[in-house]
PDB file of N, CA and C in Angstrom:
ATOM      1  N   MET A   1     101.618  58.980  78.470  1.00  0.00           N
ATOM      2  CA  MET A   1     102.117  59.933  79.445  1.00  0.00           C
ATOM      3  C   MET A   1     101.006  60.926  79.773  1.00  0.00           C
ATOM      4  N   GLU A   2     100.846  61.220  81.034  1.00  0.00           N
ATOM      5  CA  GLU A   2      99.826  62.134  81.513  1.00  0.00           C
ATOM      6  C   GLU A   2     100.236  63.576  81.232  1.00  0.00           C
ATOM      7  N   HIS A   3      99.269  64.396  80.811  1.00  0.00           N
ATOM      8  CA  HIS A   3      99.552  65.797  80.540  1.00  0.00           C
ATOM      9  C   HIS A   3      99.562  66.576  81.851  1.00  0.00           C
ATOM     10  N   ALA A   4     100.704  67.132  82.206  1.00  0.00           N
ATOM     11  CA  ALA A   4     100.842  67.869  83.457  1.00  0.00           C
ATOM     12  C   ALA A   4     100.235  69.258  83.333  1.00  0.00           C
ATOM     13  N   GLU A   5      99.787  69.779  84.445  1.00  0.00           N
ATOM     14  CA  GLU A   5      99.245  71.136  84.477  1.00  0.00           C
ATOM     15  C   GLU A   5     100.356  72.125  84.116  1.00  0.00           C
ATOM     16  N   PRO A   6     100.057  73.079  83.253  1.00  0.00           N
ATOM     17  CA  PRO A   6     101.107  74.028  82.847  1.00  0.00           C
ATOM     18  C   PRO A   6     101.419  75.043  83.938  1.00  0.00           C
ATOM     19  N   PHE A   7     102.621  75.565  83.887  1.00  0.00           N
ATOM     20  CA  PHE A   7     103.001  76.674  84.750  1.00  0.00           C
ATOM     21  C   PHE A   7     102.498  77.957  84.110  1.00  0.00           C
ATOM     22  N   VAL A   8     102.012  78.885  84.932  1.00  0.00           N
ATOM     23  CA  VAL A   8     101.486  80.150  84.422  1.00  0.00           C
ATOM     24  C   VAL A   8     102.215  81.306  85.091  1.00  0.00           C
ATOM     25  N   PRO A   9     102.227  82.476  84.441  1.00  0.00           N
ATOM     26  CA  PRO A   9     102.894  83.640  85.027  1.00  0.00           C
ATOM     27  C   PRO A   9     102.081  84.247  86.173  1.00  0.00           C
ATOM     28  N   ILE A  10     102.721  85.112  86.920  1.00  0.00           N
ATOM     29  CA  ILE A  10     102.104  85.730  88.096  1.00  0.00           C
ATOM     30  C   ILE A  10     100.826  86.491  87.731  1.00  0.00           C
ATOM     31  N   GLU A  11     100.778  87.061  86.535  1.00  0.00           N
ATOM     32  CA  GLU A  11      99.583  87.799  86.103  1.00  0.00           C
ATOM     33  C   GLU A  11      98.362  86.892  86.038  1.00  0.00           C
ATOM     34  N   LYS A  12      98.553  85.672  85.575  1.00  0.00           N
ATOM     35  CA  LYS A  12      97.438  84.720  85.494  1.00  0.00           C
ATOM     36  C   LYS A  12      96.964  84.309  86.888  1.00  0.00           C
ATOM     37  N   VAL A  13      97.894  84.176  87.825  1.00  0.00           N
ATOM     38  CA  VAL A  13      97.522  83.834  89.201  1.00  0.00           C
ATOM     39  C   VAL A  13      96.689  84.971  89.788  1.00  0.00           C
ATOM     40  N   ALA A  14      97.147  86.203  89.602  1.00  0.00           N
ATOM     41  CA  ALA A  14      96.415  87.357  90.113  1.00  0.00           C
ATOM     42  C   ALA A  14      95.018  87.426  89.498  1.00  0.00           C
ATOM     43  N   ASP A  15      94.919  87.226  88.198  1.00  0.00           N
ATOM     44  CA  ASP A  15      93.610  87.239  87.524  1.00  0.00           C
ATOM     45  C   ASP A  15      92.715  86.122  88.047  1.00  0.00           C
ATOM     46  N   HIS A  16      93.258  84.930  88.179  1.00  0.00           N
ATOM     47  CA  HIS A  16      92.481  83.766  88.609  1.00  0.00           C
ATOM     48  C   HIS A  16      91.867  83.978  89.993  1.00  0.00           C
ATOM     49  N   PHE A  17      92.644  84.559  90.910  1.00  0.00           N
ATOM     50  CA  PHE A  17      92.168  84.756  92.274  1.00  0.00           C
ATOM     51  C   PHE A  17      91.594  86.158  92.502  1.00  0.00           C
ATOM     52  N   ALA A  18      91.506  86.949  91.443  1.00  0.00           N
ATOM     53  CA  ALA A  18      90.945  88.311  91.492  1.00  0.00           C
ATOM     54  C   ALA A  18      91.648  89.173  92.540  1.00  0.00           C
ATOM     55  N   VAL A  19      92.972  89.127  92.506  1.00  0.00           N
ATOM     56  CA  VAL A  19      93.796  89.944  93.397  1.00  0.00           C
ATOM     57  C   VAL A  19      94.849  90.646  92.548  1.00  0.00           C
ATOM     58  N   SER A  20      95.584  91.553  93.168  1.00  0.00           N
ATOM     59  CA  SER A  20      96.646  92.244  92.445  1.00  0.00           C
ATOM     60  C   SER A  20      97.921  91.391  92.421  1.00  0.00           C
ATOM     61  N   ILE A  21      98.809  91.751  91.526  1.00  0.00           N
ATOM     62  CA  ILE A  21     100.118  91.081  91.476  1.00  0.00           C
ATOM     63  C   ILE A  21     100.856  91.316  92.790  1.00  0.00           C
ATOM     64  N   SER A  22     100.685  92.501  93.368  1.00  0.00           N
ATOM     65  CA  SER A  22     101.313  92.805  94.670  1.00  0.00           C
ATOM     66  C   SER A  22     100.858  91.831  95.741  1.00  0.00           C
ATOM     67  N   THR A  23      99.589  91.451  95.703  1.00  0.00           N
ATOM     68  CA  THR A  23      99.068  90.496  96.684  1.00  0.00           C
ATOM     69  C   THR A  23      99.732  89.134  96.510  1.00  0.00           C
ATOM     70  N   VAL A  24      99.904  88.697  95.283  1.00  0.00           N
ATOM     71  CA  VAL A  24     100.573  87.409  95.033  1.00  0.00           C
ATOM     72  C   VAL A  24     102.005  87.479  95.551  1.00  0.00           C
ATOM     73  N   ARG A  25     102.677  88.587  95.302  1.00  0.00           N
ATOM     74  CA  ARG A  25     104.049  88.742  95.810  1.00  0.00           C
ATOM     75  C   ARG A  25     104.069  88.736  97.347  1.00  0.00           C
ATOM     76  N   THR A  26     103.051  89.316  97.972  1.00  0.00           N
ATOM     77  CA  THR A  26     102.942  89.290  99.436  1.00  0.00           C
ATOM     78  C   THR A  26     102.752  87.862  99.922  1.00  0.00           C
ATOM     79  N   TRP A  27     101.917  87.087  99.229  1.00  0.00           N
ATOM     80  CA  TRP A  27     101.725  85.685  99.603  1.00  0.00           C
ATOM     81  C   TRP A  27     103.049  84.938  99.592  1.00  0.00           C
ATOM     82  N   ILE A  28     103.894  85.241  98.605  1.00  0.00           N
ATOM     83  CA  ILE A  28     105.208  84.588  98.518  1.00  0.00           C
ATOM     84  C   ILE A  28     106.077  85.037  99.689  1.00  0.00           C
ATOM     85  N   ARG A  29     106.150  86.333  99.905  1.00  0.00           N
ATOM     86  CA  ARG A  29     107.013  86.907 100.948  1.00  0.00           C
ATOM     87  C   ARG A  29     106.612  86.450 102.351  1.00  0.00           C
ATOM     88  N   THR A  30     105.317  86.256 102.593  1.00  0.00           N
ATOM     89  CA  THR A  30     104.837  85.862 103.929  1.00  0.00           C
ATOM     90  C   THR A  30     104.687  84.351 104.076  1.00  0.00           C
ATOM     91  N   ASP A  31     105.179  83.608 103.094  1.00  0.00           N
ATOM     92  CA  ASP A  31     105.149  82.139 103.107  1.00  0.00           C
ATOM     93  C   ASP A  31     103.746  81.549 103.050  1.00  0.00           C
ATOM     94  N   ASN A  32     102.747  82.310 102.612  1.00  0.00           N
ATOM     95  CA  ASN A  32     101.442  81.715 102.333  1.00  0.00           C
ATOM     96  C   ASN A  32     101.532  80.811 101.108  1.00  0.00           C
ATOM     97  N   LEU A  33     102.511  81.089 100.260  1.00  0.00           N
ATOM     98  CA  LEU A  33     102.830  80.193  99.142  1.00  0.00           C
ATOM     99  C   LEU A  33     104.223  79.637  99.404  1.00  0.00           C
ATOM    100  N   PRO A  34     104.299  78.391  99.849  1.00  0.00           N
ATOM    101  CA  PRO A  34     105.613  77.809 100.123  1.00  0.00           C
ATOM    102  C   PRO A  34     106.440  77.656  98.854  1.00  0.00           C
ATOM    103  N   LYS A  35     107.731  77.603  99.016  1.00  0.00           N
ATOM    104  CA  LYS A  35     108.655  77.562  97.887  1.00  0.00           C
ATOM    105  C   LYS A  35     108.406  76.395  96.933  1.00  0.00           C
ATOM    106  N   ASP A  36     107.802  75.311  97.417  1.00  0.00           N
ATOM    107  CA  ASP A  36     107.555  74.181  96.519  1.00  0.00           C
ATOM    108  C   ASP A  36     106.271  74.343  95.696  1.00  0.00           C
ATOM    109  N   SER A  37     105.575  75.479  95.844  1.00  0.00           N
ATOM    110  CA  SER A  37     104.347  75.681  95.064  1.00  0.00           C
ATOM    111  C   SER A  37     104.570  76.572  93.847  1.00  0.00           C
ATOM    112  N   PHE A  38     105.811  76.995  93.610  1.00  0.00           N
ATOM    113  CA  PHE A  38     106.112  77.814  92.439  1.00  0.00           C
ATOM    114  C   PHE A  38     107.568  77.630  92.038  1.00  0.00           C
ATOM    115  N   LEU A  39     107.884  78.086  90.838  1.00  0.00           N
ATOM    116  CA  LEU A  39     109.261  78.104  90.356  1.00  0.00           C
ATOM    117  C   LEU A  39     109.698  79.553  90.244  1.00  0.00           C
ATOM    118  N   LYS A  40     110.933  79.830  90.573  1.00  0.00           N
ATOM    119  CA  LYS A  40     111.490  81.155  90.356  1.00  0.00           C
ATOM    120  C   LYS A  40     112.765  80.991  89.556  1.00  0.00           C
ATOM    121  N   ILE A  41     112.762  81.612  88.389  1.00  0.00           N
ATOM    122  CA  ILE A  41     113.931  81.564  87.512  1.00  0.00           C
ATOM    123  C   ILE A  41     114.351  83.009  87.290  1.00  0.00           C
ATOM    124  N   GLY A  42     115.473  83.395  87.874  1.00  0.00           N
ATOM    125  CA  GLY A  42     115.866  84.802  87.848  1.00  0.00           C
ATOM    126  C   GLY A  42     114.858  85.608  88.649  1.00  0.00           C
ATOM    127  N   ASN A  43     114.251  86.593  88.006  1.00  0.00           N
ATOM    128  CA  ASN A  43     113.217  87.389  88.662  1.00  0.00           C
ATOM    129  C   ASN A  43     111.820  87.003  88.199  1.00  0.00           C
ATOM    130  N   THR A  44     111.703  85.874  87.524  1.00  0.00           N
ATOM    131  CA  THR A  44     110.431  85.436  86.956  1.00  0.00           C
ATOM    132  C   THR A  44     109.851  84.285  87.771  1.00  0.00           C
ATOM    133  N   TYR A  45     108.581  84.424  88.131  1.00  0.00           N
ATOM    134  CA  TYR A  45     107.870  83.373  88.859  1.00  0.00           C
ATOM    135  C   TYR A  45     106.939  82.639  87.908  1.00  0.00           C
ATOM    136  N   ARG A  46     106.779  81.327  88.137  1.00  0.00           N
ATOM    137  CA  ARG A  46     105.808  80.519  87.404  1.00  0.00           C
ATOM    138  C   ARG A  46     105.097  79.634  88.422  1.00  0.00           C
ATOM    139  N   PHE A  47     103.791  79.481  88.221  1.00  0.00           N
ATOM    140  CA  PHE A  47     102.946  78.805  89.201  1.00  0.00           C
ATOM    141  C   PHE A  47     102.064  77.767  88.527  1.00  0.00           C
ATOM    142  N   ARG A  48     101.665  76.775  89.290  1.00  0.00           N
ATOM    143  CA  ARG A  48     100.571  75.880  88.899  1.00  0.00           C
ATOM    144  C   ARG A  48      99.381  76.296  89.753  1.00  0.00           C
ATOM    145  N   LEU A  49      98.282  76.655  89.113  1.00  0.00           N
ATOM    146  CA  LEU A  49      97.136  77.195  89.832  1.00  0.00           C
ATOM    147  C   LEU A  49      96.621  76.252  90.913  1.00  0.00           C
ATOM    148  N   SER A  50      96.615  74.955  90.652  1.00  0.00           N
ATOM    149  CA  SER A  50      96.115  74.008  91.655  1.00  0.00           C
ATOM    150  C   SER A  50      97.005  74.002  92.891  1.00  0.00           C
ATOM    151  N   GLU A  51      98.309  74.138  92.716  1.00  0.00           N
ATOM    152  CA  GLU A  51      99.226  74.155  93.849  1.00  0.00           C
ATOM    153  C   GLU A  51      99.077  75.442  94.657  1.00  0.00           C
ATOM    154  N   VAL A  52      98.837  76.563  93.963  1.00  0.00           N
ATOM    155  CA  VAL A  52      98.605  77.832  94.653  1.00  0.00           C
ATOM    156  C   VAL A  52      97.322  77.727  95.472  1.00  0.00           C
ATOM    157  N   SER A  53      96.284  77.192  94.871  1.00  0.00           N
ATOM    158  CA  SER A  53      95.011  77.036  95.565  1.00  0.00           C
ATOM    159  C   SER A  53      95.166  76.155  96.806  1.00  0.00           C
ATOM    160  N   ASP A  54      95.845  75.029  96.656  1.00  0.00           N
ATOM    161  CA  ASP A  54      96.086  74.132  97.792  1.00  0.00           C
ATOM    162  C   ASP A  54      96.862  74.839  98.906  1.00  0.00           C
ATOM    163  N   ALA A  55      97.889  75.589  98.536  1.00  0.00           N
ATOM    164  CA  ALA A  55      98.705  76.285  99.527  1.00  0.00           C
ATOM    165  C   ALA A  55      97.892  77.342 100.262  1.00  0.00           C
ATOM    166  N   LEU A  56      97.041  78.063  99.537  1.00  0.00           N
ATOM    167  CA  LEU A  56      96.217  79.084 100.180  1.00  0.00           C
ATOM    168  C   LEU A  56      95.195  78.463 101.118  1.00  0.00           C
ATOM    169  N   MET A  57      94.641  77.326 100.738  1.00  0.00           N
ATOM    170  CA  MET A  57      93.689  76.637 101.611  1.00  0.00           C
ATOM    171  C   MET A  57      94.378  76.172 102.889  1.00  0.00           C
ATOM    172  N   LYS A  58      95.593  75.659 102.775  1.00  0.00           N
ATOM    173  CA  LYS A  58      96.349  75.232 103.957  1.00  0.00           C
ATOM    174  C   LYS A  58      96.655  76.424 104.852  1.00  0.00           C
ATOM    175  N   ALA A  59      97.028  77.559 104.252  1.00  0.00           N
ATOM    176  CA  ALA A  59      97.318  78.769 105.025  1.00  0.00           C
ATOM    177  C   ALA A  59      96.063  79.242 105.743  1.00  0.00           C
ATOM    178  N   LYS A  60      94.925  79.172 105.073  1.00  0.00           N
ATOM    179  CA  LYS A  60      93.649  79.575 105.674  1.00  0.00           C
ATOM    180  C   LYS A  60      93.310  78.668 106.855  1.00  0.00           C
ATOM    181  N   ASP A  61      93.464  77.363 106.663  1.00  0.00           N
ATOM    182  CA  ASP A  61      93.181  76.398 107.736  1.00  0.00           C
ATOM    183  C   ASP A  61      94.085  76.647 108.944  1.00  0.00           C
ATOM    184  N   THR A  62      95.346  76.966 108.696  1.00  0.00           N
ATOM    185  CA  THR A  62      96.292  77.232 109.770  1.00  0.00           C
ATOM    186  C   THR A  62      95.884  78.483 110.543  1.00  0.00           C
ATOM    187  N   GLU A  63      95.459  79.525 109.825  1.00  0.00           N
ATOM    188  CA  GLU A  63      95.031  80.761 110.483  1.00  0.00           C
ATOM    189  C   GLU A  63      93.783  80.519 111.333  1.00  0.00           C
ATOM    190  N   GLU A  64      92.862  79.734 110.825  1.00  0.00           N
ATOM    191  CA  GLU A  64      91.616  79.482 111.550  1.00  0.00           C
ATOM    192  C   GLU A  64      91.828  78.662 112.809  1.00  0.00           C
ATOM    193  N   SER A  65      92.821  77.764 112.785  1.00  0.00           N
ATOM    194  CA  SER A  65      93.049  76.915 113.959  1.00  0.00           C
ATOM    195  C   SER A  65      93.946  77.591 114.997  1.00  0.00           C
ATOM    196  N   ALA A  66      94.529  78.715 114.638  1.00  0.00           N
ATOM    197  CA  ALA A  66      95.420  79.435 115.578  1.00  0.00           C
ATOM    198  C   ALA A  66      94.652  80.265 116.575  1.00  0.00           C
TER     199      ALA A  66
END
């Protein structure tokens, strides 16, 4: 069985991308991170860094082509 990438808390996402937690929450609210790129259980978010990175790249590409 292949080892899947672990889910990480919002703090790790903010650290990884050198942004604030508020910025990550803004990405969620503005749909730069689509709902399928994270899990939300209650008020807790969990992310896979590769999926966040992919989603941000897609959002960037969309902005550039607009």
